[in-house]
Amino acid sequence: MNYQTAKTKVIIYYSVGILLIILGFLFFLTGSLLTLYYSLENNIGVFKVTYLLKQMIYFLYEKTSFIKMIWNHAPILDPNHLSSKGSVTFIVWYVSIFFGWTFVRSANKLSSRLRVIDQDLEDQSIRASMRMSATNDSKRNIPIPNQSIWKEIHTLYIAPIVVGIVLWLISKLFS
C-alpha cells in the first residue's frame, strides 16, 4: 500500500465508520423507543407513568419528523422471540455501532501513522538541505516548515464555533 492509497483508505474508513455509527445509533434508539412504546400497551402498570412515557415517546416521534423513515423502518425487539425478523434486525443495528467504531479506530491509527510519515519526510528534507550547504552562512537558507499559531487557534476556537452555528441552523431548519 502506498501513501496515497493509505490516505484514501483513511477517508473511506472514517466515512463508513461514522455512517455506521450514526445509522446504527438512530435505528437502535428508535427501535428501543418503539419497543418500549409497544410493551407499555400490553403492560398494566401504574397508569399515569405508562401514559406519561407513551406521551413522551409520541412527542419525540412527532418532533423528529425529519427521520420519519427511520421511525417507520426501525426494528422492534421482541424479547420473547429473539429469532424473529425484528429482533435480529435490532441486534444487527446494535452491532453495527461497534463495527462503525472499529472502522473509526482503524482510520485513527492509520491517520496517526501517516502523520508520523509526514513529519519524517519534513525532517528528511531539512537534513538534505543542510547537507547541501557546508558553510555557516547557508544556515540562513535552510527552509523550516512554518508552525503557525493561527492554525491552532482555528482548530481550538474558530472551528467549534462555526460547527455550533451550522448545527444550530440545521436544527432551526428542521424544527
C-alpha atoms as a PDB file:
ATOM      1  CA  MET A   1       0.000   0.000   0.000  1.00  0.00           C
ATOM      2  CA  ASN A   2       1.411   3.380  -0.938  1.00  0.00           C
ATOM      3  CA  TYR A   3       0.902   6.750   0.726  1.00  0.00           C
ATOM      4  CA  GLN A   4      -1.970   7.905  -1.491  1.00  0.00           C
ATOM      5  CA  THR A   5      -3.805   4.608  -1.086  1.00  0.00           C
ATOM      6  CA  ALA A   6      -3.440   4.907   2.681  1.00  0.00           C
ATOM      7  CA  LYS A   7      -4.893   8.447   2.615  1.00  0.00           C
ATOM      8  CA  THR A   8      -7.832   7.227   0.544  1.00  0.00           C
ATOM      9  CA  LYS A   9      -8.312   4.316   2.934  1.00  0.00           C
ATOM     10  CA  VAL A  10      -8.407   6.699   5.908  1.00  0.00           C
ATOM     11  CA  ILE A  11     -11.142   8.776   4.259  1.00  0.00           C
ATOM     12  CA  ILE A  12     -13.170   5.688   3.357  1.00  0.00           C
ATOM     13  CA  TYR A  13     -12.789   4.173   6.834  1.00  0.00           C
ATOM     14  CA  TYR A  14     -13.855   7.421   8.508  1.00  0.00           C
ATOM     15  CA  SER A  15     -16.853   7.779   6.199  1.00  0.00           C
ATOM     16  CA  VAL A  16     -18.027   4.187   6.583  1.00  0.00           C
ATOM     17  CA  GLY A  17     -17.425   4.214  10.331  1.00  0.00           C
ATOM     18  CA  ILE A  18     -19.277   7.435  11.009  1.00  0.00           C
ATOM     19  CA  LEU A  19     -22.145   6.383   8.746  1.00  0.00           C
ATOM     20  CA  LEU A  20     -22.466   3.039  10.551  1.00  0.00           C
ATOM     21  CA  ILE A  21     -22.321   4.682  13.964  1.00  0.00           C
ATOM     22  CA  ILE A  22     -24.939   7.313  13.138  1.00  0.00           C
ATOM     23  CA  LEU A  23     -27.357   4.962  11.384  1.00  0.00           C
ATOM     24  CA  GLY A  24     -26.843   2.201  13.927  1.00  0.00           C
ATOM     25  CA  PHE A  25     -27.419   4.585  16.815  1.00  0.00           C
ATOM     26  CA  LEU A  26     -30.539   6.114  15.223  1.00  0.00           C
ATOM     27  CA  PHE A  27     -32.082   2.729  14.409  1.00  0.00           C
ATOM     28  CA  PHE A  28     -31.121   1.324  17.808  1.00  0.00           C
ATOM     29  CA  LEU A  29     -32.545   4.319  19.677  1.00  0.00           C
ATOM     30  CA  THR A  30     -35.790   4.478  17.703  1.00  0.00           C
ATOM     31  CA  GLY A  31     -36.162   0.694  17.916  1.00  0.00           C
ATOM     32  CA  SER A  32     -35.677   0.855  21.677  1.00  0.00           C
ATOM     33  CA  LEU A  33     -38.267   3.614  21.997  1.00  0.00           C
ATOM     34  CA  LEU A  34     -40.744   1.750  19.794  1.00  0.00           C
ATOM     35  CA  THR A  35     -40.170  -1.445  21.776  1.00  0.00           C
ATOM     36  CA  LEU A  36     -40.828   0.466  24.989  1.00  0.00           C
ATOM     37  CA  TYR A  37     -43.925   2.124  23.479  1.00  0.00           C
ATOM     38  CA  TYR A  38     -45.496  -1.149  22.346  1.00  0.00           C
ATOM     39  CA  SER A  39     -44.557  -3.002  25.524  1.00  0.00           C
ATOM     40  CA  LEU A  40     -46.327  -0.307  27.544  1.00  0.00           C
ATOM     41  CA  GLU A  41     -49.566  -1.031  25.662  1.00  0.00           C
ATOM     42  CA  ASN A  42     -49.591  -4.600  26.901  1.00  0.00           C
ATOM     43  CA  ASN A  43     -48.280  -3.811  30.359  1.00  0.00           C
ATOM     44  CA  ILE A  44     -50.695  -2.861  33.107  1.00  0.00           C
ATOM     45  CA  GLY A  45     -48.653  -0.796  35.498  1.00  0.00           C
ATOM     46  CA  VAL A  46     -49.094   2.491  37.147  1.00  0.00           C
ATOM     47  CA  PHE A  47     -51.408   4.148  34.663  1.00  0.00           C
ATOM     48  CA  LYS A  48     -50.010   7.673  34.977  1.00  0.00           C
ATOM     49  CA  VAL A  49     -46.392   6.565  34.481  1.00  0.00           C
ATOM     50  CA  THR A  50     -47.326   4.398  31.492  1.00  0.00           C
ATOM     51  CA  TYR A  51     -49.348   7.207  29.963  1.00  0.00           C
ATOM     52  CA  LEU A  52     -46.551   9.729  30.572  1.00  0.00           C
ATOM     53  CA  LEU A  53     -43.894   7.511  28.955  1.00  0.00           C
ATOM     54  CA  LYS A  54     -46.103   6.824  25.946  1.00  0.00           C
ATOM     55  CA  GLN A  55     -46.799  10.543  25.533  1.00  0.00           C
ATOM     56  CA  MET A  56     -43.085  11.344  25.739  1.00  0.00           C
ATOM     57  CA  ILE A  57     -42.264   8.775  23.052  1.00  0.00           C
ATOM     58  CA  TYR A  58     -45.099  10.054  20.870  1.00  0.00           C
ATOM     59  CA  PHE A  59     -43.841  13.630  21.363  1.00  0.00           C
ATOM     60  CA  LEU A  60     -40.367  12.530  20.187  1.00  0.00           C
ATOM     61  CA  TYR A  61     -41.983  10.833  17.194  1.00  0.00           C
ATOM     62  CA  GLU A  62     -43.844  13.999  16.247  1.00  0.00           C
ATOM     63  CA  LYS A  63     -40.902  16.383  16.773  1.00  0.00           C
ATOM     64  CA  THR A  64     -38.405  14.306  14.801  1.00  0.00           C
ATOM     65  CA  SER A  65     -40.275  14.255  11.536  1.00  0.00           C
ATOM     66  CA  PHE A  66     -37.017  14.613   9.589  1.00  0.00           C
ATOM     67  CA  ILE A  67     -36.196  10.999  10.488  1.00  0.00           C
ATOM     68  CA  LYS A  68     -39.699   9.698   9.775  1.00  0.00           C
ATOM     69  CA  MET A  69     -38.225   6.998   7.520  1.00  0.00           C
ATOM     70  CA  ILE A  70     -36.178   5.672  10.424  1.00  0.00           C
ATOM     71  CA  TRP A  71     -39.216   5.666  12.701  1.00  0.00           C
ATOM     72  CA  ASN A  72     -41.174   3.732  10.070  1.00  0.00           C
ATOM     73  CA  HIS A  73     -38.441   1.151   9.439  1.00  0.00           C
ATOM     74  CA  ALA A  74     -36.915   0.811  12.911  1.00  0.00           C
ATOM     75  CA  PRO A  75     -36.893  -2.773  14.158  1.00  0.00           C
ATOM     76  CA  ILE A  76     -38.950  -3.639  17.191  1.00  0.00           C
ATOM     77  CA  LEU A  77     -37.295  -6.055  19.604  1.00  0.00           C
ATOM     78  CA  ASP A  78     -39.389  -8.985  20.689  1.00  0.00           C
ATOM     79  CA  PRO A  79     -37.790 -10.292  23.918  1.00  0.00           C
ATOM     80  CA  ASN A  80     -39.866 -13.485  23.783  1.00  0.00           C
ATOM     81  CA  HIS A  81     -38.750 -14.404  20.237  1.00  0.00           C
ATOM     82  CA  LEU A  82     -35.149 -13.350  19.645  1.00  0.00           C
ATOM     83  CA  SER A  83     -35.064 -15.155  16.303  1.00  0.00           C
ATOM     84  CA  SER A  84     -37.862 -13.026  14.831  1.00  0.00           C
ATOM     85  CA  LYS A  85     -37.047 -10.648  11.997  1.00  0.00           C
ATOM     86  CA  GLY A  86     -37.439  -7.533  14.137  1.00  0.00           C
ATOM     87  CA  SER A  87     -35.224  -8.863  16.915  1.00  0.00           C
ATOM     88  CA  VAL A  88     -32.465  -9.970  14.538  1.00  0.00           C
ATOM     89  CA  THR A  89     -32.553  -6.605  12.743  1.00  0.00           C
ATOM     90  CA  PHE A  90     -32.458  -4.803  16.083  1.00  0.00           C
ATOM     91  CA  ILE A  91     -29.365  -6.771  17.132  1.00  0.00           C
ATOM     92  CA  VAL A  92     -27.704  -6.185  13.741  1.00  0.00           C
ATOM     93  CA  TRP A  93     -28.154  -2.412  14.083  1.00  0.00           C
ATOM     94  CA  TYR A  94     -26.802  -2.576  17.624  1.00  0.00           C
ATOM     95  CA  VAL A  95     -23.713  -4.483  16.479  1.00  0.00           C
ATOM     96  CA  SER A  96     -23.233  -2.066  13.558  1.00  0.00           C
ATOM     97  CA  ILE A  97     -22.456   0.674  16.091  1.00  0.00           C
ATOM     98  CA  PHE A  98     -19.440  -1.323  17.237  1.00  0.00           C
ATOM     99  CA  PHE A  99     -18.359  -2.128  13.686  1.00  0.00           C
ATOM    100  CA  GLY A 100     -18.515   1.577  12.890  1.00  0.00           C
ATOM    101  CA  TRP A 101     -16.420   2.323  15.952  1.00  0.00           C
ATOM    102  CA  THR A 102     -13.897  -0.269  14.722  1.00  0.00           C
ATOM    103  CA  PHE A 103     -13.656   1.471  11.344  1.00  0.00           C
ATOM    104  CA  VAL A 104     -13.119   4.852  13.013  1.00  0.00           C
ATOM    105  CA  ARG A 105     -10.418   3.466  15.324  1.00  0.00           C
ATOM    106  CA  SER A 106      -8.664   1.834  12.376  1.00  0.00           C
ATOM    107  CA  ALA A 107      -8.781   5.122  10.472  1.00  0.00           C
ATOM    108  CA  ASN A 108      -7.357   6.922  13.524  1.00  0.00           C
ATOM    109  CA  LYS A 109      -4.428   4.513  13.737  1.00  0.00           C
ATOM    110  CA  LEU A 110      -3.668   4.749  10.027  1.00  0.00           C
ATOM    111  CA  SER A 111      -4.011   8.535  10.142  1.00  0.00           C
ATOM    112  CA  SER A 112      -1.540   8.788  13.017  1.00  0.00           C
ATOM    113  CA  ARG A 113       0.929   6.647  11.052  1.00  0.00           C
ATOM    114  CA  LEU A 114       0.560   8.967   8.081  1.00  0.00           C
ATOM    115  CA  ARG A 115       1.203  11.987  10.313  1.00  0.00           C
ATOM    116  CA  VAL A 116       4.428  10.371  11.531  1.00  0.00           C
ATOM    117  CA  ILE A 117       5.439   9.710   7.921  1.00  0.00           C
ATOM    118  CA  ASP A 118       4.710  13.347   7.008  1.00  0.00           C
ATOM    119  CA  GLN A 119       6.848  14.535   9.905  1.00  0.00           C
ATOM    120  CA  ASP A 120       9.682  12.188   8.913  1.00  0.00           C
ATOM    121  CA  LEU A 121       9.551  13.448   5.324  1.00  0.00           C
ATOM    122  CA  GLU A 122       9.792  17.050   6.514  1.00  0.00           C
ATOM    123  CA  ASP A 123      12.745  16.157   8.754  1.00  0.00           C
ATOM    124  CA  GLN A 124      14.482  14.377   5.882  1.00  0.00           C
ATOM    125  CA  SER A 125      14.048  17.363   3.579  1.00  0.00           C
ATOM    126  CA  ILE A 126      15.541  19.653   6.227  1.00  0.00           C
ATOM    127  CA  ARG A 127      18.502  17.293   6.687  1.00  0.00           C
ATOM    128  CA  ALA A 128      19.024  17.052   2.931  1.00  0.00           C
ATOM    129  CA  SER A 129      19.051  20.825   2.560  1.00  0.00           C
ATOM    130  CA  MET A 130      21.529  21.049   5.440  1.00  0.00           C
ATOM    131  CA  ARG A 131      23.851  18.537   3.758  1.00  0.00           C
ATOM    132  CA  MET A 132      23.862  20.559   0.561  1.00  0.00           C
ATOM    133  CA  SER A 133      25.260  23.572   2.291  1.00  0.00           C
ATOM    134  CA  ALA A 134      28.515  23.210   4.123  1.00  0.00           C
ATOM    135  CA  THR A 135      29.120  26.815   5.048  1.00  0.00           C
ATOM    136  CA  ASN A 136      27.797  28.641   8.120  1.00  0.00           C
ATOM    137  CA  ASP A 137      26.168  31.359   6.027  1.00  0.00           C
ATOM    138  CA  SER A 138      23.972  28.841   4.340  1.00  0.00           C
ATOM    139  CA  LYS A 139      22.146  28.093   7.605  1.00  0.00           C
ATOM    140  CA  ARG A 140      20.022  31.109   6.852  1.00  0.00           C
ATOM    141  CA  ASN A 141      18.796  29.496   3.641  1.00  0.00           C
ATOM    142  CA  ILE A 142      17.582  26.238   5.205  1.00  0.00           C
ATOM    143  CA  PRO A 143      13.801  26.006   4.770  1.00  0.00           C
ATOM    144  CA  ILE A 144      11.964  25.314   8.028  1.00  0.00           C
ATOM    145  CA  PRO A 145       8.239  24.436   7.865  1.00  0.00           C
ATOM    146  CA  ASN A 146       6.110  27.169   9.330  1.00  0.00           C
ATOM    147  CA  GLN A 147       4.233  26.252  12.509  1.00  0.00           C
ATOM    148  CA  SER A 148       1.584  28.927  12.633  1.00  0.00           C
ATOM    149  CA  ILE A 149      -0.292  29.732  15.817  1.00  0.00           C
ATOM    150  CA  TRP A 150      -3.303  30.660  13.685  1.00  0.00           C
ATOM    151  CA  LYS A 151      -3.769  27.035  12.710  1.00  0.00           C
ATOM    152  CA  GLU A 152      -4.095  26.100  16.372  1.00  0.00           C
ATOM    153  CA  ILE A 153      -6.469  28.983  17.084  1.00  0.00           C
ATOM    154  CA  HIS A 154      -8.612  27.874  14.176  1.00  0.00           C
ATOM    155  CA  THR A 155      -8.665  24.274  15.398  1.00  0.00           C
ATOM    156  CA  LEU A 156      -9.352  25.098  19.032  1.00  0.00           C
ATOM    157  CA  TYR A 157     -11.640  28.110  18.863  1.00  0.00           C
ATOM    158  CA  ILE A 158     -12.970  29.090  15.452  1.00  0.00           C
ATOM    159  CA  ALA A 159     -13.883  25.646  14.072  1.00  0.00           C
ATOM    160  CA  PRO A 160     -16.055  24.634  17.082  1.00  0.00           C
ATOM    161  CA  ILE A 161     -17.919  27.938  16.899  1.00  0.00           C
ATOM    162  CA  VAL A 162     -18.565  27.505  13.164  1.00  0.00           C
ATOM    163  CA  VAL A 163     -19.717  23.915  13.689  1.00  0.00           C
ATOM    164  CA  GLY A 164     -22.006  25.060  16.504  1.00  0.00           C
ATOM    165  CA  ILE A 165     -23.565  27.738  14.310  1.00  0.00           C
ATOM    166  CA  VAL A 166     -24.081  25.277  11.453  1.00  0.00           C
ATOM    167  CA  LEU A 167     -25.702  22.732  13.796  1.00  0.00           C
ATOM    168  CA  TRP A 168     -27.921  25.450  15.267  1.00  0.00           C
ATOM    169  CA  LEU A 169     -29.022  26.479  11.760  1.00  0.00           C
ATOM    170  CA  ILE A 170     -29.739  22.861  10.836  1.00  0.00           C
ATOM    171  CA  SER A 171     -31.810  22.391  13.987  1.00  0.00           C
ATOM    172  CA  LYS A 172     -33.765  25.559  13.226  1.00  0.00           C
ATOM    173  CA  LEU A 173     -34.307  24.347   9.668  1.00  0.00           C
ATOM    174  CA  PHE A 174     -35.775  21.018  10.785  1.00  0.00           C
ATOM    175  CA  SER A 175     -37.841  22.274  13.720  1.00  0.00           C
END
